[in-house]
Amino acid sequence: MLVRIIEDGADGVFASVKHGEADFGINYIGMQEPDVDFTPLLKDPYVLACRADHALGARRTVRWEELAAWDQVRVSQASRNRVFIHQALAELPAQPRPVCEVRHVSTLIGLVEAGLGVAIVPQLTVPRRPAAVVGIPLDPPVTRTIGLIQRAGRTLSPAADAFAKLLVQASRTRSGPARRRRD
């Protein structure tokens, strides 16, 4: 049994599944698409990524409005993560100062580690401790739902089906039952 994993951004993964190039994908987009089945796996909160030695590094939480005081590195307009972040920041009177934009969230972690600024990132992208970069929960929390996507009505290959079942089982073990959703 061979499982080939294609790494791509959210839009690329979605397109690969929708066009039949991949049996299924793991994504945070697709739950509103009529031709796609979305099985929630987990909730992934956005956190403030900063150096452990940053003034905010030891905090338990940070309020969104506090971010205006710090230089920020962020993902470009091309990133779907940016939509979630913009929604969270839309009503704040003062916006964080962007000093750099990049295409991939993983690049942000390196920029934060280098001391260029702080970043709002999905918690899953923050290295586990001990690390030079820490993730601090934001208040109020903003989350994205990560799930398994597949074309509606499509039967998975045996290898893909076995792997998908492992992912769903692991998510249920970690956070309780996942529900299958089709919009």
C-alpha atoms as a PDB file:
ATOM      1  CA  MET A   1       0.000   0.000   0.000  1.00  0.00           C
ATOM      2  CA  LEU A   2       1.432   3.362  -1.031  1.00  0.00           C
ATOM      3  CA  VAL A   3       0.154   6.702   0.173  1.00  0.00           C
ATOM      4  CA  ARG A   4       1.435   9.703  -1.760  1.00  0.00           C
ATOM      5  CA  ILE A   5       1.169  12.986   0.121  1.00  0.00           C
ATOM      6  CA  ILE A   6       0.968  16.182  -1.914  1.00  0.00           C
ATOM      7  CA  GLU A   7       1.941  19.289   0.020  1.00  0.00           C
ATOM      8  CA  ASP A   8       0.303  22.488  -1.181  1.00  0.00           C
ATOM      9  CA  GLY A   9      -1.530  25.542   0.083  1.00  0.00           C
ATOM     10  CA  ALA A  10      -5.222  25.405   0.982  1.00  0.00           C
ATOM     11  CA  ASP A  11      -6.384  26.420  -2.491  1.00  0.00           C
ATOM     12  CA  GLY A  12      -4.054  23.931  -4.175  1.00  0.00           C
ATOM     13  CA  VAL A  13      -5.211  21.064  -1.971  1.00  0.00           C
ATOM     14  CA  PHE A  14      -8.838  21.975  -2.595  1.00  0.00           C
ATOM     15  CA  ALA A  15      -8.290  22.114  -6.373  1.00  0.00           C
ATOM     16  CA  SER A  16      -6.454  18.757  -6.365  1.00  0.00           C
ATOM     17  CA  VAL A  17      -9.379  17.092  -4.622  1.00  0.00           C
ATOM     18  CA  LYS A  18     -12.088  18.826  -6.636  1.00  0.00           C
ATOM     19  CA  HIS A  19     -10.406  17.922  -9.955  1.00  0.00           C
ATOM     20  CA  GLY A  20      -9.780  14.305  -8.935  1.00  0.00           C
ATOM     21  CA  GLU A  21      -5.982  14.612  -8.739  1.00  0.00           C
ATOM     22  CA  ALA A  22      -6.079  13.551  -5.073  1.00  0.00           C
ATOM     23  CA  ASP A  23      -8.404  11.076  -3.372  1.00  0.00           C
ATOM     24  CA  PHE A  24      -8.834  13.376  -0.381  1.00  0.00           C
ATOM     25  CA  GLY A  25      -7.189  16.326   1.298  1.00  0.00           C
ATOM     26  CA  ILE A  26      -6.733  17.826   4.714  1.00  0.00           C
ATOM     27  CA  ASN A  27      -7.885  21.403   4.657  1.00  0.00           C
ATOM     28  CA  TYR A  28      -9.684  24.203   6.411  1.00  0.00           C
ATOM     29  CA  ILE A  29     -11.580  25.226   3.289  1.00  0.00           C
ATOM     30  CA  GLY A  30     -14.246  23.222   1.542  1.00  0.00           C
ATOM     31  CA  MET A  31     -16.929  22.874   4.185  1.00  0.00           C
ATOM     32  CA  GLN A  32     -19.245  25.227   2.269  1.00  0.00           C
ATOM     33  CA  GLU A  33     -18.718  23.616  -1.144  1.00  0.00           C
ATOM     34  CA  PRO A  34     -21.645  21.577  -2.526  1.00  0.00           C
ATOM     35  CA  ASP A  35     -19.413  19.127  -4.454  1.00  0.00           C
ATOM     36  CA  VAL A  36     -17.178  18.372  -1.482  1.00  0.00           C
ATOM     37  CA  ASP A  37     -17.744  16.279   1.634  1.00  0.00           C
ATOM     38  CA  PHE A  38     -16.053  17.801   4.694  1.00  0.00           C
ATOM     39  CA  THR A  39     -15.365  15.697   7.788  1.00  0.00           C
ATOM     40  CA  PRO A  40     -14.199  17.899  10.686  1.00  0.00           C
ATOM     41  CA  LEU A  41     -11.062  16.636  12.397  1.00  0.00           C
ATOM     42  CA  LEU A  42     -10.087  19.397  14.831  1.00  0.00           C
ATOM     43  CA  LYS A  43     -10.337  23.055  15.766  1.00  0.00           C
ATOM     44  CA  ASP A  44      -7.079  24.976  15.324  1.00  0.00           C
ATOM     45  CA  PRO A  45      -6.936  28.318  17.160  1.00  0.00           C
ATOM     46  CA  TYR A  46      -4.887  31.231  15.899  1.00  0.00           C
ATOM     47  CA  VAL A  47      -2.182  32.310  18.325  1.00  0.00           C
ATOM     48  CA  LEU A  48       0.359  35.079  18.598  1.00  0.00           C
ATOM     49  CA  ALA A  49       3.775  33.741  17.625  1.00  0.00           C
ATOM     50  CA  CYS A  50       6.640  35.613  19.223  1.00  0.00           C
ATOM     51  CA  ARG A  51      10.125  34.881  20.446  1.00  0.00           C
ATOM     52  CA  ALA A  52      10.208  33.302  23.892  1.00  0.00           C
ATOM     53  CA  ASP A  53      12.303  36.267  25.081  1.00  0.00           C
ATOM     54  CA  HIS A  54       9.850  38.858  23.643  1.00  0.00           C
ATOM     55  CA  ALA A  55       8.000  41.131  26.088  1.00  0.00           C
ATOM     56  CA  LEU A  56       4.829  39.092  25.424  1.00  0.00           C
ATOM     57  CA  GLY A  57       6.609  35.720  25.454  1.00  0.00           C
ATOM     58  CA  ALA A  58       5.640  34.712  28.990  1.00  0.00           C
ATOM     59  CA  ARG A  59       2.020  35.866  28.811  1.00  0.00           C
ATOM     60  CA  ARG A  60      -0.851  33.386  29.190  1.00  0.00           C
ATOM     61  CA  THR A  61      -3.049  35.287  26.706  1.00  0.00           C
ATOM     62  CA  VAL A  62      -2.868  38.423  24.579  1.00  0.00           C
ATOM     63  CA  ARG A  63      -5.840  40.561  23.601  1.00  0.00           C
ATOM     64  CA  TRP A  64      -6.140  41.396  19.906  1.00  0.00           C
ATOM     65  CA  GLU A  65      -6.061  45.133  20.577  1.00  0.00           C
ATOM     66  CA  GLU A  66      -2.650  44.805  22.260  1.00  0.00           C
ATOM     67  CA  LEU A  67      -1.110  43.754  18.931  1.00  0.00           C
ATOM     68  CA  ALA A  68      -1.130  47.314  17.570  1.00  0.00           C
ATOM     69  CA  ALA A  69       1.912  48.088  19.718  1.00  0.00           C
ATOM     70  CA  TRP A  70       4.143  45.555  17.959  1.00  0.00           C
ATOM     71  CA  ASP A  71       5.650  45.173  14.498  1.00  0.00           C
ATOM     72  CA  GLN A  72       3.972  42.313  12.715  1.00  0.00           C
ATOM     73  CA  VAL A  73       5.035  39.900   9.986  1.00  0.00           C
ATOM     74  CA  ARG A  74       2.064  38.403   8.197  1.00  0.00           C
ATOM     75  CA  VAL A  75       0.862  36.240   5.369  1.00  0.00           C
ATOM     76  CA  SER A  76       0.031  37.873   2.061  1.00  0.00           C
ATOM     77  CA  GLN A  77      -3.419  38.517   0.645  1.00  0.00           C
ATOM     78  CA  ALA A  78      -3.073  35.215  -1.277  1.00  0.00           C
ATOM     79  CA  SER A  79      -3.362  33.200   1.954  1.00  0.00           C
ATOM     80  CA  ARG A  80      -6.749  32.014   3.184  1.00  0.00           C
ATOM     81  CA  ASN A  81      -5.425  32.414   6.727  1.00  0.00           C
ATOM     82  CA  ARG A  82      -5.381  36.134   6.065  1.00  0.00           C
ATOM     83  CA  VAL A  83      -9.189  36.132   5.708  1.00  0.00           C
ATOM     84  CA  PHE A  84      -9.615  34.769   9.233  1.00  0.00           C
ATOM     85  CA  ILE A  85      -7.083  37.229  10.611  1.00  0.00           C
ATOM     86  CA  HIS A  86      -8.688  40.207   8.842  1.00  0.00           C
ATOM     87  CA  GLN A  87     -12.075  39.284  10.271  1.00  0.00           C
ATOM     88  CA  ALA A  88     -10.610  39.207  13.773  1.00  0.00           C
ATOM     89  CA  LEU A  89      -8.861  42.569  13.333  1.00  0.00           C
ATOM     90  CA  ALA A  90     -11.611  44.353  11.374  1.00  0.00           C
ATOM     91  CA  GLU A  91     -13.225  46.080  14.333  1.00  0.00           C
ATOM     92  CA  LEU A  92     -10.076  47.103  16.148  1.00  0.00           C
ATOM     93  CA  PRO A  93      -9.424  50.845  16.210  1.00  0.00           C
ATOM     94  CA  ALA A  94      -5.652  50.426  15.827  1.00  0.00           C
ATOM     95  CA  GLN A  95      -4.165  47.815  13.528  1.00  0.00           C
ATOM     96  CA  PRO A  96      -0.803  46.055  13.991  1.00  0.00           C
ATOM     97  CA  ARG A  97       2.054  47.531  11.962  1.00  0.00           C
ATOM     98  CA  PRO A  98       2.978  45.130   9.168  1.00  0.00           C
ATOM     99  CA  VAL A  99       6.690  45.185   8.403  1.00  0.00           C
ATOM    100  CA  CYS A 100       6.819  42.181   6.086  1.00  0.00           C
ATOM    101  CA  GLU A 101       4.464  39.919   4.154  1.00  0.00           C
ATOM    102  CA  VAL A 102       5.197  36.374   3.025  1.00  0.00           C
ATOM    103  CA  ARG A 103       3.277  33.720   1.157  1.00  0.00           C
ATOM    104  CA  HIS A 104       3.555  30.802   3.586  1.00  0.00           C
ATOM    105  CA  VAL A 105       2.783  30.604   7.291  1.00  0.00           C
ATOM    106  CA  SER A 106       5.841  28.419   7.827  1.00  0.00           C
ATOM    107  CA  THR A 107       8.043  31.311   6.674  1.00  0.00           C
ATOM    108  CA  LEU A 108       6.513  33.536   9.350  1.00  0.00           C
ATOM    109  CA  ILE A 109       7.909  31.327  12.101  1.00  0.00           C
ATOM    110  CA  GLY A 110      11.453  31.874  10.799  1.00  0.00           C
ATOM    111  CA  LEU A 111      10.923  35.639  10.610  1.00  0.00           C
ATOM    112  CA  VAL A 112       9.562  35.697  14.158  1.00  0.00           C
ATOM    113  CA  GLU A 113      12.520  33.617  15.335  1.00  0.00           C
ATOM    114  CA  ALA A 114      14.859  36.123  13.645  1.00  0.00           C
ATOM    115  CA  GLY A 115      13.217  38.914  15.644  1.00  0.00           C
ATOM    116  CA  LEU A 116      11.546  40.794  12.770  1.00  0.00           C
ATOM    117  CA  GLY A 117       8.212  40.969  14.577  1.00  0.00           C
ATOM    118  CA  VAL A 118       5.294  38.980  15.933  1.00  0.00           C
ATOM    119  CA  ALA A 119       2.823  36.998  13.822  1.00  0.00           C
ATOM    120  CA  ILE A 120      -0.681  35.636  14.035  1.00  0.00           C
ATOM    121  CA  VAL A 121      -0.500  31.984  13.010  1.00  0.00           C
ATOM    122  CA  PRO A 122      -2.463  28.760  13.418  1.00  0.00           C
ATOM    123  CA  GLN A 123      -1.403  27.004  16.607  1.00  0.00           C
ATOM    124  CA  LEU A 124      -0.438  23.873  14.682  1.00  0.00           C
ATOM    125  CA  THR A 125       2.358  25.803  12.945  1.00  0.00           C
ATOM    126  CA  VAL A 126       4.124  26.806  16.179  1.00  0.00           C
ATOM    127  CA  PRO A 127       7.063  24.569  17.131  1.00  0.00           C
ATOM    128  CA  ARG A 128       6.589  22.550  20.298  1.00  0.00           C
ATOM    129  CA  ARG A 129       8.492  23.690  23.347  1.00  0.00           C
ATOM    130  CA  PRO A 130      11.284  24.101  24.064  1.00  0.00           C
ATOM    131  CA  ALA A 131      11.629  26.441  21.148  1.00  0.00           C
ATOM    132  CA  ALA A 132      12.746  29.968  20.403  1.00  0.00           C
ATOM    133  CA  VAL A 133       9.202  30.778  19.204  1.00  0.00           C
ATOM    134  CA  VAL A 134       6.138  30.393  21.416  1.00  0.00           C
ATOM    135  CA  GLY A 135       2.429  30.546  20.616  1.00  0.00           C
ATOM    136  CA  ILE A 136       0.262  32.598  22.947  1.00  0.00           C
ATOM    137  CA  PRO A 137      -3.543  32.221  22.877  1.00  0.00           C
ATOM    138  CA  LEU A 138      -5.408  35.269  21.601  1.00  0.00           C
ATOM    139  CA  ASP A 139      -8.410  36.729  23.403  1.00  0.00           C
ATOM    140  CA  PRO A 140     -11.057  36.405  22.175  1.00  0.00           C
ATOM    141  CA  PRO A 141     -10.118  33.187  20.396  1.00  0.00           C
ATOM    142  CA  VAL A 142     -10.429  32.780  16.624  1.00  0.00           C
ATOM    143  CA  THR A 143     -10.315  29.236  15.245  1.00  0.00           C
ATOM    144  CA  ARG A 144     -10.376  27.410  11.970  1.00  0.00           C
ATOM    145  CA  THR A 145     -11.794  23.923  11.516  1.00  0.00           C
ATOM    146  CA  ILE A 146      -9.453  21.481   9.846  1.00  0.00           C
ATOM    147  CA  GLY A 147     -11.056  18.536   8.149  1.00  0.00           C
ATOM    148  CA  LEU A 148     -10.819  15.813   5.593  1.00  0.00           C
ATOM    149  CA  ILE A 149     -12.217  16.837   2.195  1.00  0.00           C
ATOM    150  CA  GLN A 150     -13.177  14.579  -0.675  1.00  0.00           C
ATOM    151  CA  ARG A 151     -15.322  14.866  -3.759  1.00  0.00           C
ATOM    152  CA  ALA A 152     -18.939  14.135  -2.933  1.00  0.00           C
ATOM    153  CA  GLY A 153     -20.018  10.676  -4.010  1.00  0.00           C
ATOM    154  CA  ARG A 154     -16.499   9.483  -4.786  1.00  0.00           C
ATOM    155  CA  THR A 155     -15.261   6.176  -3.381  1.00  0.00           C
ATOM    156  CA  LEU A 156     -11.739   6.282  -2.020  1.00  0.00           C
ATOM    157  CA  SER A 157      -9.057   3.844  -3.116  1.00  0.00           C
ATOM    158  CA  PRO A 158      -8.290   1.170  -0.479  1.00  0.00           C
ATOM    159  CA  ALA A 159      -5.042   2.912   0.569  1.00  0.00           C
ATOM    160  CA  ALA A 160      -6.687   6.341   0.776  1.00  0.00           C
ATOM    161  CA  ASP A 161      -9.681   4.899   2.641  1.00  0.00           C
ATOM    162  CA  ALA A 162      -7.438   3.232   5.238  1.00  0.00           C
ATOM    163  CA  PHE A 163      -5.404   6.405   5.733  1.00  0.00           C
ATOM    164  CA  ALA A 164      -8.535   8.594   5.960  1.00  0.00           C
ATOM    165  CA  LYS A 165     -10.026   6.259   8.567  1.00  0.00           C
ATOM    166  CA  LEU A 166      -6.817   6.518  10.629  1.00  0.00           C
ATOM    167  CA  LEU A 167      -7.045  10.323  10.532  1.00  0.00           C
ATOM    168  CA  VAL A 168     -10.688  10.368  11.589  1.00  0.00           C
ATOM    169  CA  GLN A 169     -10.010   7.822  14.359  1.00  0.00           C
ATOM    170  CA  ALA A 170      -7.059   9.871  15.640  1.00  0.00           C
ATOM    171  CA  SER A 171      -9.161  13.036  15.717  1.00  0.00           C
ATOM    172  CA  ARG A 172     -11.939  11.280  17.647  1.00  0.00           C
ATOM    173  CA  THR A 173      -9.448   9.953  20.159  1.00  0.00           C
ATOM    174  CA  ARG A 174      -7.977  13.417  20.593  1.00  0.00           C
ATOM    175  CA  SER A 175     -11.109  15.571  20.752  1.00  0.00           C
ATOM    176  CA  GLY A 176     -14.257  13.443  20.850  1.00  0.00           C
ATOM    177  CA  PRO A 177     -16.442  12.362  17.937  1.00  0.00           C
ATOM    178  CA  ALA A 178     -16.081  14.097  14.591  1.00  0.00           C
ATOM    179  CA  ARG A 179     -19.252  14.591  12.594  1.00  0.00           C
ATOM    180  CA  ARG A 180     -19.505  14.186   8.868  1.00  0.00           C
ATOM    181  CA  ARG A 181     -20.846  17.311   7.262  1.00  0.00           C
ATOM    182  CA  ARG A 182     -21.994  17.977   3.754  1.00  0.00           C
ATOM    183  CA  ASP A 183     -23.233  21.427   2.772  1.00  0.00           C
END
